[in-house]
């Protein structure tokens, strides 16, 4: 572990109260903290015939409860119990670095040199991006699960309803990709992007509706922009408008919902293209967005 590192507590009053064992002042609450996933390390045991790899017991038990999607390889000394205890005491979660605006940075180096692995720790202090932005209309997650299956024997007239059902049951997105399978048979890969925790229900729906015998799944990370909805009125018809904002809160897009555009075009007996142009013009004039 490093000898020195910038304190993860940016507030002096919090540092003082923490060191004195008191609760933090009401006006200076402790920050949320996260740490990267740490390696369990490895060593060897030497019985009479074999020497199997053995994780270090103390660091592994100290890290119990840490979410571990997979640990990087490490030497036996890369995860000392004291360091793990500090991480458990200071960080509430383990995973990728969250998006934030960095306000302070500290780096500390330890005395032990491990070949191929710098013995340093870095602490970032900052504020989460987007805290002052409007809440995302769909609470869109940055992490999701992508389900997929190859299907070559479903009547193509049934696919639109399969996609509709996936979306109706909560999928973030669903789509088809044409492929060629064994023996040159044309087929499609059906994809569904779903929230974590809903993958089993979505996979069951896919198998029930398509007849596939298996569904692949993998976790994906996404960079997203927050979105919100408002309405404009065009020739007496209400049109929903989706507003997208970047990480600084600036509006980067205003797009009318096409279903509303199409319905208004039919009611007014004008082309969808004309109605879309009218709706976009109205959306561009929205104040405060």
Protein backbone atom coordinates (compact mmCIF):
# COMPACT_ATOMS: atom_id res chain seq x y z
CA UNK A 1 0.00 0.00 0.00
CA UNK A 2 1.19 3.56 -0.63
CA UNK A 3 2.75 5.69 2.05
CA UNK A 4 0.79 8.81 1.17
CA UNK A 5 -2.38 9.66 -0.68
CA UNK A 6 -4.75 12.57 -0.90
CA UNK A 7 -7.56 12.20 1.62
CA UNK A 8 -10.86 11.14 0.02
CA UNK A 9 -12.68 13.53 2.37
CA UNK A 10 -12.58 17.02 0.82
CA UNK A 11 -14.19 18.75 3.77
CA UNK A 12 -11.77 19.67 6.62
CA UNK A 13 -14.50 19.43 9.23
CA UNK A 14 -15.37 15.92 8.05
CA UNK A 15 -11.68 14.88 8.23
CA UNK A 16 -11.36 16.25 11.75
CA UNK A 17 -14.56 14.63 13.00
CA UNK A 18 -13.63 11.37 11.31
CA UNK A 19 -10.23 11.23 12.98
CA UNK A 20 -11.80 12.04 16.35
CA UNK A 21 -14.36 9.26 15.98
CA UNK A 22 -17.33 11.66 15.91
CA UNK A 23 -20.21 11.80 13.47
CA UNK A 24 -19.75 14.17 10.56
CA UNK A 25 -21.14 17.70 10.89
CA UNK A 26 -24.60 18.16 9.41
CA UNK A 27 -23.30 20.86 7.08
CA UNK A 28 -20.55 18.62 5.72
CA UNK A 29 -21.77 15.12 5.00
CA UNK A 30 -19.32 12.40 3.90
CA UNK A 31 -18.98 11.97 0.14
CA UNK A 32 -20.04 8.92 -1.79
CA UNK A 33 -17.01 6.83 -2.67
CA UNK A 34 -16.24 3.92 -4.97
CA UNK A 35 -13.11 1.89 -5.68
CA UNK A 36 -11.92 -0.15 -8.62
CA UNK A 37 -12.22 -3.91 -8.28
CA UNK A 38 -9.17 -5.21 -6.44
CA UNK A 39 -7.21 -8.37 -7.19
CA UNK A 40 -7.29 -11.27 -4.75
CA UNK A 41 -3.67 -12.18 -5.48
CA UNK A 42 -2.30 -15.66 -5.69
CA UNK A 43 0.24 -17.94 -4.06
CA UNK A 44 1.03 -21.63 -3.90
CA UNK A 45 0.55 -24.42 -1.43
CA UNK A 46 3.04 -27.27 -1.53
CA UNK A 47 1.56 -30.66 -0.67
CA UNK A 48 3.32 -33.92 -1.51
CA UNK A 49 2.55 -34.10 -5.23
CA UNK A 50 1.11 -30.83 -6.60
CA UNK A 51 1.28 -27.08 -6.05
CA UNK A 52 -2.15 -25.63 -6.86
CA UNK A 53 -2.66 -21.86 -6.94
CA UNK A 54 -4.12 -20.60 -3.68
CA UNK A 55 -5.72 -17.19 -3.05
CA UNK A 56 -4.56 -15.35 0.04
CA UNK A 57 -7.09 -16.04 2.77
CA UNK A 58 -7.03 -12.80 4.74
CA UNK A 59 -7.54 -10.36 1.83
CA UNK A 60 -10.20 -12.60 0.27
CA UNK A 61 -12.23 -12.83 3.46
CA UNK A 62 -11.81 -9.14 4.21
CA UNK A 63 -13.24 -8.31 0.79
CA UNK A 64 -16.36 -10.39 1.32
CA UNK A 65 -19.38 -8.66 -0.12
CA UNK A 66 -17.46 -6.87 -2.86
CA UNK A 67 -19.11 -7.14 -6.26
CA UNK A 68 -16.49 -8.93 -8.34
CA UNK A 69 -17.18 -9.28 -12.07
CA UNK A 70 -13.60 -10.56 -12.45
CA UNK A 71 -10.29 -9.77 -10.87
CA UNK A 72 -7.11 -8.86 -12.70
CA UNK A 73 -4.16 -11.21 -12.19
CA UNK A 74 -1.88 -10.17 -9.37
CA UNK A 75 0.99 -11.30 -7.23
CA UNK A 76 0.49 -12.62 -3.72
CA UNK A 77 1.30 -9.26 -2.10
CA UNK A 78 -0.91 -7.02 -4.23
CA UNK A 79 -3.90 -7.16 -1.87
CA UNK A 80 -2.69 -6.71 1.73
CA UNK A 81 -5.40 -6.99 4.40
CA UNK A 82 -4.77 -3.45 5.67
CA UNK A 83 -5.34 -1.96 2.23
CA UNK A 84 -8.50 -3.96 1.68
CA UNK A 85 -9.81 -2.92 5.10
CA UNK A 86 -9.25 0.73 4.22
CA UNK A 87 -11.12 0.31 0.94
CA UNK A 88 -14.00 -1.41 2.70
CA UNK A 89 -14.17 1.40 5.25
CA UNK A 90 -13.96 4.26 2.77
CA UNK A 91 -15.67 3.00 -0.39
CA UNK A 92 -19.28 1.87 -0.54
CA UNK A 93 -19.02 0.19 -3.97
CA UNK A 94 -16.45 -1.34 -6.31
CA UNK A 95 -16.49 -1.01 -10.08
CA UNK A 96 -15.64 1.29 -12.99
CA UNK A 97 -14.83 4.92 -12.26
CA UNK A 98 -18.10 6.91 -12.29
CA UNK A 99 -18.49 9.94 -14.51
CA UNK A 100 -17.53 13.02 -12.52
CA UNK A 101 -16.03 16.49 -12.76
CA UNK A 102 -12.64 16.13 -11.04
CA UNK A 103 -11.89 18.80 -8.43
CA UNK A 104 -8.81 17.25 -6.77
CA UNK A 105 -6.36 14.46 -7.54
CA UNK A 106 -3.88 12.63 -5.33
CA UNK A 107 -1.36 9.90 -6.11
CA UNK A 108 0.70 7.93 -3.60
CA UNK A 109 3.48 5.37 -4.17
CA UNK A 110 4.41 2.44 -1.94
CA UNK A 111 7.85 1.11 -1.06
CA UNK A 112 7.51 -2.39 -2.50
CA UNK A 113 8.21 -2.88 -6.22
CA UNK A 114 6.24 -5.60 -8.02
CA UNK A 115 7.36 -6.44 -11.58
CA UNK A 116 4.77 -5.37 -14.13
CA UNK A 117 2.48 -3.65 -11.59
CA UNK A 118 3.04 -0.13 -10.23
CA UNK A 119 2.55 0.06 -6.46
CA UNK A 120 0.53 3.27 -6.51
CA UNK A 121 -2.93 4.42 -5.53
CA UNK A 122 -4.87 7.30 -7.05
CA UNK A 123 -7.70 9.19 -5.38
CA UNK A 124 -10.04 11.45 -7.32
CA UNK A 125 -12.36 13.91 -5.60
CA UNK A 126 -15.12 15.45 -7.67
CA UNK A 127 -18.80 15.91 -8.20
CA UNK A 128 -21.00 13.61 -10.20
CA UNK A 129 -21.91 14.91 -13.61
CA UNK A 130 -25.48 15.81 -14.25
CA UNK A 131 -26.60 16.25 -10.63
CA UNK A 132 -28.20 19.56 -11.54
CA UNK A 133 -29.81 18.27 -14.73
CA UNK A 134 -33.44 17.21 -15.14
CA UNK A 135 -34.01 13.56 -14.30
CA UNK A 136 -33.95 11.22 -17.26
CA UNK A 137 -37.50 10.55 -18.39
CA UNK A 138 -36.94 6.79 -18.65
CA UNK A 139 -34.37 6.43 -15.84
CA UNK A 140 -32.15 5.01 -18.58
CA UNK A 141 -29.32 2.89 -17.12
CA UNK A 142 -25.74 3.11 -18.32
CA UNK A 143 -25.36 -0.67 -17.85
CA UNK A 144 -27.71 -3.24 -19.35
CA UNK A 145 -27.86 -6.81 -20.62
CA UNK A 146 -28.06 -7.62 -24.32
CA UNK A 147 -29.96 -10.78 -25.25
CA UNK A 148 -29.74 -12.37 -28.68
CA UNK A 149 -30.79 -15.51 -30.54
CA UNK A 150 -30.50 -16.77 -34.12
CA UNK A 151 -33.81 -17.85 -35.66
CA UNK A 152 -34.29 -19.32 -39.14
CA UNK A 153 -37.78 -20.83 -39.06
CA UNK A 154 -40.19 -18.15 -37.82
CA UNK A 155 -42.83 -16.78 -40.18
CA UNK A 156 -41.53 -13.27 -40.95
CA UNK A 157 -45.03 -11.84 -40.50
CA UNK A 158 -44.75 -12.62 -36.78
CA UNK A 159 -41.61 -10.60 -36.12
CA UNK A 160 -43.26 -7.14 -35.69
CA UNK A 161 -45.35 -8.41 -32.80
CA UNK A 162 -42.35 -10.13 -31.18
CA UNK A 163 -40.50 -6.81 -31.15
CA UNK A 164 -43.60 -5.00 -29.83
CA UNK A 165 -43.99 -7.48 -26.98
CA UNK A 166 -40.34 -7.11 -25.97
CA UNK A 167 -40.74 -3.33 -25.79
CA UNK A 168 -44.09 -3.56 -24.02
CA UNK A 169 -42.58 -5.76 -21.31
CA UNK A 170 -39.79 -3.28 -20.57
CA UNK A 171 -36.97 -3.85 -23.05
CA UNK A 172 -34.92 -0.71 -23.61
CA UNK A 173 -34.60 -1.59 -27.29
CA UNK A 174 -35.21 -4.53 -29.62
CA UNK A 175 -34.13 -5.11 -33.21
CA UNK A 176 -33.47 -7.68 -35.94
CA UNK A 177 -30.32 -8.29 -37.98
CA UNK A 178 -30.41 -10.47 -41.14
CA UNK A 179 -27.82 -13.27 -41.18
CA UNK A 180 -26.98 -16.44 -43.08
CA UNK A 181 -26.88 -19.66 -41.05
CA UNK A 182 -25.53 -23.13 -41.76
CA UNK A 183 -26.48 -24.71 -45.07
CA UNK A 184 -26.89 -21.16 -46.43
CA UNK A 185 -30.31 -20.65 -44.86
CA UNK A 186 -31.38 -17.02 -44.48
CA UNK A 187 -32.20 -16.13 -40.88
CA UNK A 188 -32.26 -13.26 -38.41
CA UNK A 189 -30.63 -12.51 -35.09
CA UNK A 190 -33.12 -10.98 -32.69
CA UNK A 191 -31.60 -8.64 -30.12
CA UNK A 192 -33.12 -7.19 -26.96
CA UNK A 193 -31.49 -4.70 -24.63
CA UNK A 194 -32.94 -5.12 -21.13
CA UNK A 195 -32.41 -3.82 -17.63
CA UNK A 196 -30.45 -5.95 -15.20
CA UNK A 197 -32.87 -8.13 -13.28
CA UNK A 198 -35.36 -8.51 -16.14
CA UNK A 199 -33.21 -10.71 -18.39
CA UNK A 200 -34.83 -14.02 -17.39
CA UNK A 201 -38.35 -12.85 -18.23
CA UNK A 202 -37.20 -11.39 -21.54
CA UNK A 203 -35.31 -14.57 -22.45
CA UNK A 204 -38.38 -16.66 -21.67
CA UNK A 205 -40.51 -14.40 -23.86
CA UNK A 206 -38.01 -14.76 -26.72
CA UNK A 207 -38.01 -18.53 -26.50
CA UNK A 208 -41.81 -18.73 -26.24
CA UNK A 209 -42.47 -16.42 -29.19
CA UNK A 210 -39.72 -17.55 -31.58
CA UNK A 211 -39.22 -21.22 -30.75
CA UNK A 212 -35.47 -20.75 -30.24
CA UNK A 213 -33.89 -23.23 -27.87
CA UNK A 214 -31.39 -20.82 -26.35
CA UNK A 215 -30.71 -17.14 -25.74
CA UNK A 216 -27.24 -15.64 -25.40
CA UNK A 217 -26.67 -12.72 -23.08
CA UNK A 218 -23.85 -10.39 -22.15
CA UNK A 219 -23.46 -7.21 -20.15
CA UNK A 220 -22.91 -3.93 -21.98
CA UNK A 221 -21.86 -0.47 -20.82
CA UNK A 222 -23.39 2.57 -22.50
CA UNK A 223 -22.67 6.26 -22.80
CA UNK A 224 -26.04 7.99 -22.78
CA UNK A 225 -27.60 11.42 -22.88
CA UNK A 226 -30.46 12.31 -20.59
CA UNK A 227 -33.78 12.84 -22.21
CA UNK A 228 -37.01 14.54 -21.20
CA UNK A 229 -40.34 15.11 -22.90
CA UNK A 230 -42.52 18.11 -23.52
CA UNK A 231 -45.28 18.97 -25.99
CA UNK A 232 -45.92 21.48 -28.73
CA UNK A 233 -49.21 22.32 -30.42
CA UNK A 234 -49.34 22.35 -34.20
CA UNK A 235 -52.59 23.32 -35.89
CA UNK A 236 -54.59 22.16 -32.91
CA UNK A 237 -52.78 18.85 -32.41
CA UNK A 238 -50.48 18.02 -29.51
CA UNK A 239 -47.11 16.61 -30.51
CA UNK A 240 -44.71 15.09 -27.96
CA UNK A 241 -41.11 16.29 -28.29
CA UNK A 242 -38.07 14.45 -26.97
CA UNK A 243 -35.30 16.75 -25.68
CA UNK A 244 -31.77 15.36 -25.32
CA UNK A 245 -29.09 17.04 -23.22
CA UNK A 246 -25.33 16.53 -23.05
CA UNK A 247 -23.31 16.06 -19.85
CA UNK A 248 -23.23 19.83 -19.29
CA UNK A 249 -27.00 20.18 -19.58
CA UNK A 250 -26.97 21.82 -23.00
CA UNK A 251 -29.78 20.82 -25.34
CA UNK A 252 -28.34 18.91 -28.29
CA UNK A 253 -31.53 17.70 -29.95
CA UNK A 254 -35.27 18.29 -30.04
CA UNK A 255 -37.15 15.64 -31.98
CA UNK A 256 -40.94 15.28 -32.37
CA UNK A 257 -42.37 11.82 -31.72
CA UNK A 258 -43.21 10.43 -35.14
CA UNK A 259 -46.32 8.55 -34.02
CA UNK A 260 -47.88 11.86 -32.99
CA UNK A 261 -46.70 13.44 -36.23
CA UNK A 262 -48.26 10.67 -38.32
CA UNK A 263 -51.56 10.84 -36.43
CA UNK A 264 -51.75 14.63 -36.83
CA UNK A 265 -50.90 14.36 -40.54
CA UNK A 266 -53.77 11.93 -41.08
CA UNK A 267 -56.20 14.14 -39.17
CA UNK A 268 -55.16 17.26 -41.11
CA UNK A 269 -54.92 15.38 -44.41
CA UNK A 270 -51.42 16.60 -45.12
CA UNK A 271 -48.24 14.66 -45.81
CA UNK A 272 -46.18 13.29 -42.96
CA UNK A 273 -43.15 15.17 -44.30
CA UNK A 274 -45.00 18.48 -44.08
CA UNK A 275 -46.28 17.72 -40.61
CA UNK A 276 -42.80 16.70 -39.45
CA UNK A 277 -41.35 19.99 -40.71
CA UNK A 278 -44.07 21.94 -38.87
CA UNK A 279 -43.47 19.99 -35.64
CA UNK A 280 -39.70 20.49 -35.82
CA UNK A 281 -40.18 24.21 -36.35
CA UNK A 282 -42.41 24.39 -33.29
CA UNK A 283 -39.95 22.33 -31.24
CA UNK A 284 -37.05 24.60 -32.21
CA UNK A 285 -38.92 27.55 -30.73
CA UNK A 286 -39.37 25.99 -27.29
CA UNK A 287 -38.30 28.37 -24.55
CA UNK A 288 -36.08 27.26 -21.67
CA UNK A 289 -34.95 24.03 -23.28
